[in-house]
Amino acid sequence: MCQILKNESGKFTDLVKKFCKSDTYKLEIYDALKSKQLTEFEIIQLINISPSHIIDLALVIEEVEERYTEDELNDILEIFKK
């Protein structure tokens, strides 16, 4: 599936980046998120959805406004941009 998407004329570049990531990449993300005081469930959900906006984080992280500032949420998003 990933190879088919990669061969398309660039229409699916974002999908390829999102869904064809290696296990090593996922482990790196997991390790980076562990230091952010997220629950195991939240970390796994975030890896699955690969958030790109703060609203994506708010859908997964319980009591997000009480636990994190906007800057901290942006730091979490930066982890996924690497």
PDB file of N, CA and C in Angstrom:
ATOM      1  N   MET A   1       0.825  -1.191   0.000  1.00  0.00           N
ATOM      2  CA  MET A   1       0.000   0.000   0.000  1.00  0.00           C
ATOM      3  C   MET A   1       0.867   1.251   0.000  1.00  0.00           C
ATOM      4  N   CYS A   2       1.872   1.288   0.861  1.00  0.00           N
ATOM      5  CA  CYS A   2       2.728   2.468   0.926  1.00  0.00           C
ATOM      6  C   CYS A   2       3.457   2.699  -0.388  1.00  0.00           C
ATOM      7  N   GLN A   3       3.910   1.622  -1.014  1.00  0.00           N
ATOM      8  CA  GLN A   3       4.628   1.766  -2.279  1.00  0.00           C
ATOM      9  C   GLN A   3       3.719   2.342  -3.357  1.00  0.00           C
ATOM     10  N   ILE A   4       2.471   1.929  -3.390  1.00  0.00           N
ATOM     11  CA  ILE A   4       1.515   2.466  -4.364  1.00  0.00           C
ATOM     12  C   ILE A   4       1.343   3.963  -4.143  1.00  0.00           C
ATOM     13  N   LEU A   5       1.170   4.368  -2.899  1.00  0.00           N
ATOM     14  CA  LEU A   5       1.006   5.789  -2.597  1.00  0.00           C
ATOM     15  C   LEU A   5       2.249   6.584  -2.965  1.00  0.00           C
ATOM     16  N   LYS A   6       3.426   6.017  -2.730  1.00  0.00           N
ATOM     17  CA  LYS A   6       4.663   6.722  -3.036  1.00  0.00           C
ATOM     18  C   LYS A   6       4.819   6.945  -4.533  1.00  0.00           C
ATOM     19  N   ASN A   7       4.264   6.056  -5.349  1.00  0.00           N
ATOM     20  CA  ASN A   7       4.408   6.160  -6.791  1.00  0.00           C
ATOM     21  C   ASN A   7       3.424   7.131  -7.422  1.00  0.00           C
ATOM     22  N   GLU A   8       2.433   7.597  -6.684  1.00  0.00           N
ATOM     23  CA  GLU A   8       1.473   8.560  -7.222  1.00  0.00           C
ATOM     24  C   GLU A   8       2.170   9.885  -7.466  1.00  0.00           C
ATOM     25  N   SER A   9       1.524  10.757  -8.197  1.00  0.00           N
ATOM     26  CA  SER A   9       2.149  12.016  -8.636  1.00  0.00           C
ATOM     27  C   SER A   9       2.161  13.102  -7.561  1.00  0.00           C
ATOM     28  N   GLY A  10       2.444  12.756  -6.340  1.00  0.00           N
ATOM     29  CA  GLY A  10       2.576  13.748  -5.279  1.00  0.00           C
ATOM     30  C   GLY A  10       1.288  14.093  -4.557  1.00  0.00           C
ATOM     31  N   LYS A  11       0.156  13.588  -5.028  1.00  0.00           N
ATOM     32  CA  LYS A  11      -1.126  13.911  -4.400  1.00  0.00           C
ATOM     33  C   LYS A  11      -1.210  13.379  -2.978  1.00  0.00           C
ATOM     34  N   PHE A  12      -0.544  12.294  -2.730  1.00  0.00           N
ATOM     35  CA  PHE A  12      -0.688  11.615  -1.445  1.00  0.00           C
ATOM     36  C   PHE A  12       0.557  11.733  -0.566  1.00  0.00           C
ATOM     37  N   THR A  13       1.379  12.720  -0.818  1.00  0.00           N
ATOM     38  CA  THR A  13       2.618  12.866  -0.061  1.00  0.00           C
ATOM     39  C   THR A  13       2.372  12.943   1.439  1.00  0.00           C
ATOM     40  N   ASP A  14       1.406  13.740   1.842  1.00  0.00           N
ATOM     41  CA  ASP A  14       1.116  13.860   3.274  1.00  0.00           C
ATOM     42  C   ASP A  14       0.625  12.547   3.860  1.00  0.00           C
ATOM     43  N   LEU A  15      -0.184  11.815   3.103  1.00  0.00           N
ATOM     44  CA  LEU A  15      -0.664  10.517   3.588  1.00  0.00           C
ATOM     45  C   LEU A  15       0.491   9.542   3.746  1.00  0.00           C
ATOM     46  N   VAL A  16       1.399   9.549   2.808  1.00  0.00           N
ATOM     47  CA  VAL A  16       2.552   8.655   2.891  1.00  0.00           C
ATOM     48  C   VAL A  16       3.361   8.980   4.140  1.00  0.00           C
ATOM     49  N   LYS A  17       3.616  10.262   4.361  1.00  0.00           N
ATOM     50  CA  LYS A  17       4.382  10.655   5.546  1.00  0.00           C
ATOM     51  C   LYS A  17       3.679  10.242   6.826  1.00  0.00           C
ATOM     52  N   LYS A  18       2.366  10.338   6.828  1.00  0.00           N
ATOM     53  CA  LYS A  18       1.609  10.046   8.041  1.00  0.00           C
ATOM     54  C   LYS A  18       1.494   8.548   8.313  1.00  0.00           C
ATOM     55  N   PHE A  19       1.236   7.749   7.285  1.00  0.00           N
ATOM     56  CA  PHE A  19       0.903   6.345   7.508  1.00  0.00           C
ATOM     57  C   PHE A  19       2.024   5.362   7.211  1.00  0.00           C
ATOM     58  N   CYS A  20       3.091   5.789   6.606  1.00  0.00           N
ATOM     59  CA  CYS A  20       4.160   4.867   6.225  1.00  0.00           C
ATOM     60  C   CYS A  20       5.417   5.087   7.056  1.00  0.00           C
ATOM     61  N   LYS A  21       5.252   5.474   8.283  1.00  0.00           N
ATOM     62  CA  LYS A  21       6.392   5.725   9.147  1.00  0.00           C
ATOM     63  C   LYS A  21       6.894   4.416   9.736  1.00  0.00           C
ATOM     64  N   SER A  22       8.184   4.368   9.926  1.00  0.00           N
ATOM     65  CA  SER A  22       8.805   3.149  10.429  1.00  0.00           C
ATOM     66  C   SER A  22       8.537   2.963  11.919  1.00  0.00           C
ATOM     67  N   ASP A  23       8.756   1.741  12.362  1.00  0.00           N
ATOM     68  CA  ASP A  23       8.616   1.442  13.787  1.00  0.00           C
ATOM     69  C   ASP A  23       9.646   2.215  14.603  1.00  0.00           C
ATOM     70  N   THR A  24      10.824   2.423  14.028  1.00  0.00           N
ATOM     71  CA  THR A  24      11.855   3.199  14.716  1.00  0.00           C
ATOM     72  C   THR A  24      11.370   4.616  14.965  1.00  0.00           C
ATOM     73  N   TYR A  25      10.732   5.206  13.956  1.00  0.00           N
ATOM     74  CA  TYR A  25      10.179   6.554  14.097  1.00  0.00           C
ATOM     75  C   TYR A  25       9.151   6.573  15.228  1.00  0.00           C
ATOM     76  N   LYS A  26       8.281   5.580  15.262  1.00  0.00           N
ATOM     77  CA  LYS A  26       7.246   5.531  16.296  1.00  0.00           C
ATOM     78  C   LYS A  26       7.855   5.396  17.686  1.00  0.00           C
ATOM     79  N   LEU A  27       8.919   4.624  17.805  1.00  0.00           N
ATOM     80  CA  LEU A  27       9.590   4.486  19.100  1.00  0.00           C
ATOM     81  C   LEU A  27      10.249   5.797  19.526  1.00  0.00           C
ATOM     82  N   GLU A  28      10.813   6.520  18.569  1.00  0.00           N
ATOM     83  CA  GLU A  28      11.411   7.822  18.884  1.00  0.00           C
ATOM     84  C   GLU A  28      10.343   8.795  19.382  1.00  0.00           C
ATOM     85  N   ILE A  29       9.195   8.789  18.726  1.00  0.00           N
ATOM     86  CA  ILE A  29       8.080   9.642  19.142  1.00  0.00           C
ATOM     87  C   ILE A  29       7.617   9.237  20.542  1.00  0.00           C
ATOM     88  N   TYR A  30       7.477   7.940  20.753  1.00  0.00           N
ATOM     89  CA  TYR A  30       7.047   7.428  22.059  1.00  0.00           C
ATOM     90  C   TYR A  30       7.986   7.915  23.160  1.00  0.00           C
ATOM     91  N   ASP A  31       9.284   7.765  22.938  1.00  0.00           N
ATOM     92  CA  ASP A  31      10.263   8.185  23.942  1.00  0.00           C
ATOM     93  C   ASP A  31      10.187   9.686  24.207  1.00  0.00           C
ATOM     94  N   ALA A  32      10.007  10.472  23.161  1.00  0.00           N
ATOM     95  CA  ALA A  32       9.913  11.926  23.322  1.00  0.00           C
ATOM     96  C   ALA A  32       8.650  12.318  24.089  1.00  0.00           C
ATOM     97  N   LEU A  33       7.558  11.616  23.843  1.00  0.00           N
ATOM     98  CA  LEU A  33       6.294  11.946  24.507  1.00  0.00           C
ATOM     99  C   LEU A  33       6.264  11.514  25.973  1.00  0.00           C
ATOM    100  N   LYS A  34       7.053  10.490  26.321  1.00  0.00           N
ATOM    101  CA  LYS A  34       7.073  10.018  27.711  1.00  0.00           C
ATOM    102  C   LYS A  34       7.477  11.128  28.670  1.00  0.00           C
ATOM    103  N   SER A  35       8.319  12.023  28.223  1.00  0.00           N
ATOM    104  CA  SER A  35       8.782  13.108  29.098  1.00  0.00           C
ATOM    105  C   SER A  35       7.749  14.225  29.250  1.00  0.00           C
ATOM    106  N   LYS A  36       6.643  14.130  28.529  1.00  0.00           N
ATOM    107  CA  LYS A  36       5.618  15.180  28.555  1.00  0.00           C
ATOM    108  C   LYS A  36       4.489  14.892  29.541  1.00  0.00           C
ATOM    109  N   GLN A  37       4.663  13.909  30.385  1.00  0.00           N
ATOM    110  CA  GLN A  37       3.677  13.547  31.414  1.00  0.00           C
ATOM    111  C   GLN A  37       2.305  13.220  30.827  1.00  0.00           C
ATOM    112  N   LEU A  38       2.329  12.467  29.754  1.00  0.00           N
ATOM    113  CA  LEU A  38       1.098  11.958  29.142  1.00  0.00           C
ATOM    114  C   LEU A  38       0.869  10.542  29.639  1.00  0.00           C
ATOM    115  N   THR A  39      -0.379  10.110  29.635  1.00  0.00           N
ATOM    116  CA  THR A  39      -0.659   8.719  29.996  1.00  0.00           C
ATOM    117  C   THR A  39      -0.251   7.817  28.836  1.00  0.00           C
ATOM    118  N   GLU A  40      -0.092   6.551  29.136  1.00  0.00           N
ATOM    119  CA  GLU A  40       0.250   5.566  28.101  1.00  0.00           C
ATOM    120  C   GLU A  40      -0.794   5.589  26.984  1.00  0.00           C
ATOM    121  N   PHE A  41      -2.052   5.633  27.356  1.00  0.00           N
ATOM    122  CA  PHE A  41      -3.143   5.675  26.377  1.00  0.00           C
ATOM    123  C   PHE A  41      -3.031   6.915  25.492  1.00  0.00           C
ATOM    124  N   GLU A  42      -2.762   8.065  26.099  1.00  0.00           N
ATOM    125  CA  GLU A  42      -2.650   9.304  25.328  1.00  0.00           C
ATOM    126  C   GLU A  42      -1.487   9.237  24.344  1.00  0.00           C
ATOM    127  N   ILE A  43      -0.368   8.692  24.785  1.00  0.00           N
ATOM    128  CA  ILE A  43       0.797   8.571  23.906  1.00  0.00           C
ATOM    129  C   ILE A  43       0.469   7.706  22.699  1.00  0.00           C
ATOM    130  N   ILE A  44      -0.135   6.564  22.932  1.00  0.00           N
ATOM    131  CA  ILE A  44      -0.463   5.653  21.830  1.00  0.00           C
ATOM    132  C   ILE A  44      -1.455   6.292  20.877  1.00  0.00           C
ATOM    133  N   GLN A  45      -2.460   6.948  21.412  1.00  0.00           N
ATOM    134  CA  GLN A  45      -3.448   7.622  20.559  1.00  0.00           C
ATOM    135  C   GLN A  45      -2.793   8.720  19.723  1.00  0.00           C
ATOM    136  N   LEU A  46      -1.912   9.487  20.319  1.00  0.00           N
ATOM    137  CA  LEU A  46      -1.239  10.552  19.579  1.00  0.00           C
ATOM    138  C   LEU A  46      -0.359   9.993  18.470  1.00  0.00           C
ATOM    139  N   ILE A  47       0.339   8.909  18.748  1.00  0.00           N
ATOM    140  CA  ILE A  47       1.146   8.279  17.703  1.00  0.00           C
ATOM    141  C   ILE A  47       0.249   7.815  16.563  1.00  0.00           C
ATOM    142  N   ASN A  48      -0.905   7.275  16.892  1.00  0.00           N
ATOM    143  CA  ASN A  48      -1.829   6.794  15.857  1.00  0.00           C
ATOM    144  C   ASN A  48      -2.389   7.909  14.988  1.00  0.00           C
ATOM    145  N   ILE A  49      -2.680   9.062  15.575  1.00  0.00           N
ATOM    146  CA  ILE A  49      -3.298  10.129  14.774  1.00  0.00           C
ATOM    147  C   ILE A  49      -2.284  11.126  14.222  1.00  0.00           C
ATOM    148  N   SER A  50      -1.060  11.119  14.733  1.00  0.00           N
ATOM    149  CA  SER A  50      -0.018  12.043  14.285  1.00  0.00           C
ATOM    150  C   SER A  50      -0.557  13.472  14.179  1.00  0.00           C
ATOM    151  N   PRO A  51      -0.823  14.105  15.306  1.00  0.00           N
ATOM    152  CA  PRO A  51      -1.505  15.408  15.311  1.00  0.00           C
ATOM    153  C   PRO A  51      -0.703  16.514  14.631  1.00  0.00           C
ATOM    154  N   SER A  52      -1.436  17.452  14.042  1.00  0.00           N
ATOM    155  CA  SER A  52      -0.781  18.597  13.408  1.00  0.00           C
ATOM    156  C   SER A  52      -1.324  19.923  13.935  1.00  0.00           C
ATOM    157  N   HIS A  53      -2.363  19.867  14.760  1.00  0.00           N
ATOM    158  CA  HIS A  53      -2.974  21.070  15.325  1.00  0.00           C
ATOM    159  C   HIS A  53      -3.288  20.845  16.807  1.00  0.00           C
ATOM    160  N   ILE A  54      -3.376  21.932  17.546  1.00  0.00           N
ATOM    161  CA  ILE A  54      -3.677  21.840  18.977  1.00  0.00           C
ATOM    162  C   ILE A  54      -5.019  21.158  19.213  1.00  0.00           C
ATOM    163  N   ILE A  55      -5.977  21.393  18.347  1.00  0.00           N
ATOM    164  CA  ILE A  55      -7.293  20.753  18.516  1.00  0.00           C
ATOM    165  C   ILE A  55      -7.172  19.232  18.469  1.00  0.00           C
ATOM    166  N   ASP A  56      -6.227  18.714  17.677  1.00  0.00           N
ATOM    167  CA  ASP A  56      -5.997  17.266  17.629  1.00  0.00           C
ATOM    168  C   ASP A  56      -5.546  16.762  18.996  1.00  0.00           C
ATOM    169  N   LEU A  57      -4.700  17.538  19.641  1.00  0.00           N
ATOM    170  CA  LEU A  57      -4.233  17.161  20.981  1.00  0.00           C
ATOM    171  C   LEU A  57      -5.380  17.198  21.984  1.00  0.00           C
ATOM    172  N   ALA A  58      -6.212  18.217  21.866  1.00  0.00           N
ATOM    173  CA  ALA A  58      -7.328  18.379  22.800  1.00  0.00           C
ATOM    174  C   ALA A  58      -8.320  17.226  22.718  1.00  0.00           C
ATOM    175  N   LEU A  59      -8.411  16.602  21.566  1.00  0.00           N
ATOM    176  CA  LEU A  59      -9.329  15.471  21.403  1.00  0.00           C
ATOM    177  C   LEU A  59      -8.833  14.217  22.113  1.00  0.00           C
ATOM    178  N   VAL A  60      -7.537  14.148  22.368  1.00  0.00           N
ATOM    179  CA  VAL A  60      -6.943  12.947  22.955  1.00  0.00           C
ATOM    180  C   VAL A  60      -6.550  13.144  24.421  1.00  0.00           C
ATOM    181  N   ILE A  61      -6.017  14.298  24.747  1.00  0.00           N
ATOM    182  CA  ILE A  61      -5.470  14.531  26.085  1.00  0.00           C
ATOM    183  C   ILE A  61      -6.576  14.982  27.042  1.00  0.00           C
ATOM    184  N   GLU A  62      -6.749  14.213  28.098  1.00  0.00           N
ATOM    185  CA  GLU A  62      -7.758  14.544  29.107  1.00  0.00           C
ATOM    186  C   GLU A  62      -7.360  15.821  29.849  1.00  0.00           C
ATOM    187  N   GLU A  63      -8.343  16.664  30.120  1.00  0.00           N
ATOM    188  CA  GLU A  63      -8.141  17.905  30.873  1.00  0.00           C
ATOM    189  C   GLU A  63      -6.959  18.712  30.327  1.00  0.00           C
ATOM    190  N   VAL A  64      -6.895  18.808  29.026  1.00  0.00           N
ATOM    191  CA  VAL A  64      -5.747  19.424  28.358  1.00  0.00           C
ATOM    192  C   VAL A  64      -5.496  20.856  28.818  1.00  0.00           C
ATOM    193  N   GLU A  65      -6.540  21.630  29.012  1.00  0.00           N
ATOM    194  CA  GLU A  65      -6.366  23.039  29.393  1.00  0.00           C
ATOM    195  C   GLU A  65      -5.819  23.195  30.807  1.00  0.00           C
ATOM    196  N   GLU A  66      -6.136  22.245  31.674  1.00  0.00           N
ATOM    197  CA  GLU A  66      -5.636  22.299  33.042  1.00  0.00           C
ATOM    198  C   GLU A  66      -4.203  21.778  33.147  1.00  0.00           C
ATOM    199  N   ARG A  67      -3.833  20.882  32.261  1.00  0.00           N
ATOM    200  CA  ARG A  67      -2.536  20.219  32.351  1.00  0.00           C
ATOM    201  C   ARG A  67      -1.419  20.897  31.566  1.00  0.00           C
ATOM    202  N   TYR A  68      -1.765  21.603  30.485  1.00  0.00           N
ATOM    203  CA  TYR A  68      -0.736  22.129  29.588  1.00  0.00           C
ATOM    204  C   TYR A  68      -1.026  23.558  29.158  1.00  0.00           C
ATOM    205  N   THR A  69       0.040  24.319  28.991  1.00  0.00           N
ATOM    206  CA  THR A  69      -0.089  25.656  28.411  1.00  0.00           C
ATOM    207  C   THR A  69      -0.065  25.517  26.890  1.00  0.00           C
ATOM    208  N   GLU A  70      -0.377  26.586  26.198  1.00  0.00           N
ATOM    209  CA  GLU A  70      -0.340  26.557  24.735  1.00  0.00           C
ATOM    210  C   GLU A  70       1.083  26.284  24.229  1.00  0.00           C
ATOM    211  N   ASP A  71       2.074  26.846  24.894  1.00  0.00           N
ATOM    212  CA  ASP A  71       3.467  26.602  24.504  1.00  0.00           C
ATOM    213  C   ASP A  71       3.847  25.130  24.670  1.00  0.00           C
ATOM    214  N   GLU A  72       3.387  24.516  25.746  1.00  0.00           N
ATOM    215  CA  GLU A  72       3.673  23.094  25.969  1.00  0.00           C
ATOM    216  C   GLU A  72       3.003  22.234  24.901  1.00  0.00           C
ATOM    217  N   LEU A  73       1.801  22.607  24.507  1.00  0.00           N
ATOM    218  CA  LEU A  73       1.110  21.867  23.449  1.00  0.00           C
ATOM    219  C   LEU A  73       1.835  22.032  22.119  1.00  0.00           C
ATOM    220  N   ASN A  74       2.330  23.220  21.859  1.00  0.00           N
ATOM    221  CA  ASN A  74       3.107  23.432  20.636  1.00  0.00           C
ATOM    222  C   ASN A  74       4.400  22.622  20.655  1.00  0.00           C
ATOM    223  N   ASP A  75       4.997  22.461  21.831  1.00  0.00           N
ATOM    224  CA  ASP A  75       6.181  21.609  21.961  1.00  0.00           C
ATOM    225  C   ASP A  75       5.852  20.162  21.601  1.00  0.00           C
ATOM    226  N   ILE A  76       4.697  19.692  22.026  1.00  0.00           N
ATOM    227  CA  ILE A  76       4.271  18.330  21.688  1.00  0.00           C
ATOM    228  C   ILE A  76       4.078  18.210  20.180  1.00  0.00           C
ATOM    229  N   LEU A  77       3.458  19.195  19.570  1.00  0.00           N
ATOM    230  CA  LEU A  77       3.261  19.161  18.115  1.00  0.00           C
ATOM    231  C   LEU A  77       4.590  19.144  17.369  1.00  0.00           C
ATOM    232  N   GLU A  78       5.572  19.849  17.878  1.00  0.00           N
ATOM    233  CA  GLU A  78       6.895  19.884  17.238  1.00  0.00           C
ATOM    234  C   GLU A  78       7.523  18.495  17.168  1.00  0.00           C
ATOM    235  N   ILE A  79       7.233  17.660  18.129  1.00  0.00           N
ATOM    236  CA  ILE A  79       7.757  16.291  18.130  1.00  0.00           C
ATOM    237  C   ILE A  79       7.317  15.560  16.871  1.00  0.00           C
ATOM    238  N   PHE A  80       6.112  15.822  16.417  1.00  0.00           N
ATOM    239  CA  PHE A  80       5.578  15.128  15.248  1.00  0.00           C
ATOM    240  C   PHE A  80       6.041  15.740  13.926  1.00  0.00           C
ATOM    241  N   LYS A  81       6.642  16.900  13.964  1.00  0.00           N
ATOM    242  CA  LYS A  81       7.105  17.554  12.737  1.00  0.00           C
ATOM    243  C   LYS A  81       8.508  17.130  12.340  1.00  0.00           C
ATOM    244  N   LYS A  82       9.181  16.384  13.194  1.00  0.00           N
ATOM    245  CA  LYS A  82      10.562  15.957  12.919  1.00  0.00           C
ATOM    246  C   LYS A  82      10.594  14.857  11.902  1.00  0.00           C
TER     247      LYS A  82
END
